[in-house]
Amino acid sequence: MDKLDHLMRSYKKHGGKQWRKEQVSKIRTVLKFSNCNDLHQLGSRMIIQFYIHLRSQNRSYKTLMSYFYALKAGYEVLGRSSEPPRPRKF
């Protein structure tokens, strides 16, 4: 997970420190669930599977959206032109 810390270092330095630290922690949770070592390896299908996993644990839609916004920030840092998939309302 050192790659994630190195990648997100400049992101964590600006803005609300606690909030950004929580977002990086959420990205780390998604990576751990998907067995990925780097944010570059994370695909949309893996993210959707993570959302399904959260729904099976009866997590709220607001929780799923907080993970979406964390992943969106990670995509912006990577410079990806697309967004991560949004969770569906249930």
N, C-alpha and C. Protein backbone atom coordinates (compact mmCIF):
# COMPACT_ATOMS: atom_id res chain seq x y z
N MET A 1 0.81 -1.20 0.00
CA MET A 1 0.00 0.00 0.00
C MET A 1 0.85 1.27 0.00
N ASP A 2 2.13 1.11 -0.08
CA ASP A 2 3.00 2.28 -0.14
C ASP A 2 2.77 3.08 -1.41
N LYS A 3 2.40 2.38 -2.51
CA LYS A 3 2.15 3.08 -3.77
C LYS A 3 0.97 4.04 -3.63
N LEU A 4 -0.04 3.61 -2.91
CA LEU A 4 -1.21 4.46 -2.70
C LEU A 4 -0.85 5.70 -1.90
N ASP A 5 -0.06 5.53 -0.85
CA ASP A 5 0.35 6.68 -0.04
C ASP A 5 1.19 7.65 -0.87
N HIS A 6 2.07 7.12 -1.70
CA HIS A 6 2.90 7.97 -2.54
C HIS A 6 2.05 8.72 -3.57
N LEU A 7 1.09 8.02 -4.15
CA LEU A 7 0.23 8.61 -5.16
C LEU A 7 -0.68 9.69 -4.58
N MET A 8 -1.19 9.46 -3.38
CA MET A 8 -2.17 10.36 -2.79
C MET A 8 -1.54 11.38 -1.84
N ARG A 9 -0.23 11.44 -1.77
CA ARG A 9 0.44 12.34 -0.83
C ARG A 9 0.06 13.80 -1.06
N SER A 10 0.13 14.25 -2.30
CA SER A 10 -0.19 15.65 -2.56
C SER A 10 -1.68 15.93 -2.36
N TYR A 11 -2.52 14.92 -2.60
CA TYR A 11 -3.96 15.07 -2.38
C TYR A 11 -4.26 15.26 -0.90
N LYS A 12 -3.56 14.51 -0.04
CA LYS A 12 -3.81 14.59 1.40
C LYS A 12 -3.29 15.88 2.03
N LYS A 13 -2.37 16.57 1.35
CA LYS A 13 -1.78 17.77 1.93
C LYS A 13 -2.71 18.98 1.87
N HIS A 14 -3.66 18.99 0.94
CA HIS A 14 -4.51 20.15 0.73
C HIS A 14 -5.93 19.85 1.20
N GLY A 15 -6.61 20.86 1.69
CA GLY A 15 -8.00 20.70 2.09
C GLY A 15 -8.14 20.15 3.50
N GLY A 16 -9.31 19.59 3.78
CA GLY A 16 -9.59 19.04 5.11
C GLY A 16 -8.81 17.76 5.33
N LYS A 17 -7.88 17.80 6.23
CA LYS A 17 -6.95 16.67 6.42
C LYS A 17 -7.65 15.39 6.87
N GLN A 18 -8.55 15.50 7.82
CA GLN A 18 -9.22 14.31 8.34
C GLN A 18 -10.10 13.68 7.26
N TRP A 19 -10.82 14.50 6.52
CA TRP A 19 -11.71 14.00 5.47
C TRP A 19 -10.91 13.29 4.38
N ARG A 20 -9.81 13.88 3.98
CA ARG A 20 -9.00 13.28 2.92
C ARG A 20 -8.33 12.00 3.41
N LYS A 21 -7.96 11.96 4.66
CA LYS A 21 -7.39 10.74 5.23
C LYS A 21 -8.42 9.62 5.22
N GLU A 22 -9.67 9.96 5.52
CA GLU A 22 -10.75 8.97 5.48
C GLU A 22 -11.00 8.48 4.06
N GLN A 23 -10.90 9.37 3.08
CA GLN A 23 -11.10 8.96 1.70
C GLN A 23 -10.01 7.99 1.24
N VAL A 24 -8.79 8.27 1.61
CA VAL A 24 -7.69 7.36 1.26
C VAL A 24 -7.88 6.02 1.95
N SER A 25 -8.38 6.03 3.17
CA SER A 25 -8.67 4.79 3.88
C SER A 25 -9.76 3.99 3.16
N LYS A 26 -10.75 4.67 2.61
CA LYS A 26 -11.81 3.98 1.87
C LYS A 26 -11.26 3.37 0.58
N ILE A 27 -10.39 4.09 -0.11
CA ILE A 27 -9.76 3.54 -1.31
C ILE A 27 -8.96 2.30 -0.94
N ARG A 28 -8.25 2.36 0.17
CA ARG A 28 -7.46 1.21 0.63
C ARG A 28 -8.37 0.00 0.92
N THR A 29 -9.56 0.25 1.48
CA THR A 29 -10.52 -0.83 1.75
C THR A 29 -10.97 -1.49 0.45
N VAL A 30 -11.26 -0.67 -0.56
CA VAL A 30 -11.68 -1.23 -1.85
C VAL A 30 -10.54 -2.04 -2.48
N LEU A 31 -9.32 -1.54 -2.39
CA LEU A 31 -8.18 -2.27 -2.95
C LEU A 31 -7.96 -3.60 -2.24
N LYS A 32 -8.12 -3.58 -0.93
CA LYS A 32 -7.94 -4.81 -0.16
C LYS A 32 -9.02 -5.83 -0.52
N PHE A 33 -10.26 -5.38 -0.70
CA PHE A 33 -11.35 -6.27 -1.08
C PHE A 33 -11.09 -6.88 -2.46
N SER A 34 -10.54 -6.08 -3.37
CA SER A 34 -10.33 -6.53 -4.75
C SER A 34 -9.01 -7.24 -4.96
N ASN A 35 -8.21 -7.37 -3.91
CA ASN A 35 -6.88 -7.99 -3.99
C ASN A 35 -5.99 -7.29 -5.01
N CYS A 36 -6.06 -5.98 -5.05
CA CYS A 36 -5.21 -5.17 -5.93
C CYS A 36 -4.13 -4.49 -5.09
N ASN A 37 -2.99 -4.33 -5.69
CA ASN A 37 -1.90 -3.65 -5.00
C ASN A 37 -1.83 -2.17 -5.33
N ASP A 38 -2.48 -1.77 -6.42
CA ASP A 38 -2.34 -0.41 -6.90
C ASP A 38 -3.68 0.07 -7.45
N LEU A 39 -3.89 1.36 -7.40
CA LEU A 39 -5.13 1.95 -7.90
C LEU A 39 -5.25 1.81 -9.41
N HIS A 40 -4.12 1.67 -10.10
CA HIS A 40 -4.13 1.49 -11.55
C HIS A 40 -4.79 0.16 -11.94
N GLN A 41 -4.72 -0.83 -11.07
CA GLN A 41 -5.23 -2.17 -11.36
C GLN A 41 -6.73 -2.29 -11.12
N LEU A 42 -7.33 -1.32 -10.48
CA LEU A 42 -8.73 -1.39 -10.09
C LEU A 42 -9.63 -1.09 -11.28
N GLY A 43 -10.51 -2.03 -11.60
CA GLY A 43 -11.42 -1.87 -12.72
C GLY A 43 -12.84 -1.64 -12.25
N SER A 44 -13.69 -1.29 -13.21
CA SER A 44 -15.07 -0.98 -12.86
C SER A 44 -15.82 -2.21 -12.37
N ARG A 45 -15.52 -3.37 -12.92
CA ARG A 45 -16.20 -4.58 -12.47
C ARG A 45 -15.87 -4.90 -11.01
N MET A 46 -14.63 -4.64 -10.62
CA MET A 46 -14.23 -4.86 -9.22
C MET A 46 -14.96 -3.90 -8.29
N ILE A 47 -15.14 -2.67 -8.74
CA ILE A 47 -15.84 -1.67 -7.93
C ILE A 47 -17.30 -2.05 -7.77
N ILE A 48 -17.91 -2.52 -8.84
CA ILE A 48 -19.31 -2.96 -8.76
C ILE A 48 -19.45 -4.13 -7.80
N GLN A 49 -18.51 -5.06 -7.84
CA GLN A 49 -18.54 -6.20 -6.91
C GLN A 49 -18.41 -5.72 -5.46
N PHE A 50 -17.62 -4.69 -5.26
CA PHE A 50 -17.48 -4.12 -3.91
C PHE A 50 -18.79 -3.50 -3.45
N TYR A 51 -19.49 -2.79 -4.35
CA TYR A 51 -20.80 -2.22 -4.00
C TYR A 51 -21.79 -3.32 -3.64
N ILE A 52 -21.77 -4.40 -4.39
CA ILE A 52 -22.67 -5.53 -4.10
C ILE A 52 -22.35 -6.12 -2.74
N HIS A 53 -21.06 -6.20 -2.43
CA HIS A 53 -20.65 -6.70 -1.12
C HIS A 53 -21.16 -5.80 0.00
N LEU A 54 -21.07 -4.48 -0.19
CA LEU A 54 -21.56 -3.55 0.83
C LEU A 54 -23.07 -3.66 0.99
N ARG A 55 -23.79 -3.83 -0.12
CA ARG A 55 -25.24 -3.98 -0.04
C ARG A 55 -25.62 -5.25 0.72
N SER A 56 -24.84 -6.31 0.53
CA SER A 56 -25.15 -7.55 1.25
C SER A 56 -24.95 -7.39 2.75
N GLN A 57 -24.17 -6.40 3.15
CA GLN A 57 -23.97 -6.11 4.57
C GLN A 57 -24.96 -5.06 5.08
N ASN A 58 -25.98 -4.77 4.28
CA ASN A 58 -27.02 -3.80 4.62
C ASN A 58 -26.49 -2.40 4.86
N ARG A 59 -25.51 -1.99 4.07
CA ARG A 59 -25.00 -0.62 4.16
C ARG A 59 -25.94 0.32 3.44
N SER A 60 -26.01 1.55 3.87
CA SER A 60 -26.92 2.52 3.28
C SER A 60 -26.37 3.04 1.95
N TYR A 61 -27.26 3.65 1.19
CA TYR A 61 -26.87 4.25 -0.09
C TYR A 61 -25.87 5.38 0.14
N LYS A 62 -26.02 6.10 1.23
CA LYS A 62 -25.10 7.19 1.56
C LYS A 62 -23.67 6.66 1.76
N THR A 63 -23.55 5.49 2.37
CA THR A 63 -22.23 4.87 2.57
C THR A 63 -21.62 4.51 1.23
N LEU A 64 -22.43 3.92 0.35
CA LEU A 64 -21.94 3.57 -0.98
C LEU A 64 -21.48 4.81 -1.75
N MET A 65 -22.23 5.89 -1.61
CA MET A 65 -21.84 7.13 -2.30
C MET A 65 -20.56 7.71 -1.72
N SER A 66 -20.33 7.54 -0.43
CA SER A 66 -19.08 8.05 0.15
C SER A 66 -17.88 7.28 -0.42
N TYR A 67 -18.05 5.98 -0.66
CA TYR A 67 -16.98 5.21 -1.31
C TYR A 67 -16.82 5.66 -2.76
N PHE A 68 -17.92 5.97 -3.42
CA PHE A 68 -17.85 6.45 -4.80
C PHE A 68 -17.05 7.75 -4.87
N TYR A 69 -17.33 8.69 -3.96
CA TYR A 69 -16.61 9.97 -3.99
C TYR A 69 -15.13 9.79 -3.68
N ALA A 70 -14.80 8.84 -2.81
CA ALA A 70 -13.39 8.56 -2.53
C ALA A 70 -12.71 8.00 -3.78
N LEU A 71 -13.37 7.07 -4.46
CA LEU A 71 -12.80 6.50 -5.68
C LEU A 71 -12.71 7.54 -6.79
N LYS A 72 -13.66 8.44 -6.84
CA LYS A 72 -13.63 9.51 -7.83
C LYS A 72 -12.41 10.41 -7.61
N ALA A 73 -12.11 10.70 -6.36
CA ALA A 73 -10.91 11.49 -6.05
C ALA A 73 -9.65 10.74 -6.47
N GLY A 74 -9.64 9.43 -6.25
CA GLY A 74 -8.49 8.63 -6.69
C GLY A 74 -8.35 8.63 -8.20
N TYR A 75 -9.46 8.57 -8.92
CA TYR A 75 -9.42 8.62 -10.38
C TYR A 75 -8.88 9.97 -10.85
N GLU A 76 -9.27 11.05 -10.17
CA GLU A 76 -8.78 12.37 -10.56
C GLU A 76 -7.28 12.49 -10.34
N VAL A 77 -6.78 11.92 -9.26
CA VAL A 77 -5.34 11.97 -9.00
C VAL A 77 -4.59 11.17 -10.06
N LEU A 78 -5.18 10.04 -10.48
CA LEU A 78 -4.55 9.23 -11.52
C LEU A 78 -4.59 9.89 -12.89
N GLY A 79 -5.54 10.80 -13.07
CA GLY A 79 -5.69 11.45 -14.36
C GLY A 79 -6.56 10.66 -15.33
N ARG A 80 -7.38 9.77 -14.81
CA ARG A 80 -8.29 9.02 -15.67
C ARG A 80 -9.39 9.95 -16.17
N SER A 81 -9.76 9.77 -17.43
CA SER A 81 -10.78 10.65 -18.01
C SER A 81 -12.19 10.26 -17.59
N SER A 82 -12.39 9.02 -17.20
CA SER A 82 -13.72 8.56 -16.82
C SER A 82 -13.90 8.60 -15.30
N GLU A 83 -15.12 8.36 -14.87
CA GLU A 83 -15.43 8.26 -13.45
C GLU A 83 -15.58 6.79 -13.08
N PRO A 84 -15.43 6.46 -11.80
CA PRO A 84 -15.76 5.11 -11.38
C PRO A 84 -17.27 4.89 -11.49
N PRO A 85 -17.72 3.65 -11.59
CA PRO A 85 -19.16 3.42 -11.69
C PRO A 85 -19.89 3.88 -10.42
N ARG A 86 -21.06 4.45 -10.62
CA ARG A 86 -21.88 4.90 -9.50
C ARG A 86 -22.68 3.72 -8.95
N PRO A 87 -22.90 3.69 -7.65
CA PRO A 87 -23.76 2.64 -7.11
C PRO A 87 -25.22 2.91 -7.46
N ARG A 88 -25.95 1.84 -7.67
CA ARG A 88 -27.37 1.98 -7.98
C ARG A 88 -28.16 2.14 -6.70
N LYS A 89 -29.24 2.91 -6.80
CA LYS A 89 -30.13 3.02 -5.63
C LYS A 89 -30.89 1.74 -5.44
N PHE A 90 -31.16 1.39 -4.22
CA PHE A 90 -31.90 0.15 -3.94
C PHE A 90 -33.08 0.42 -3.06
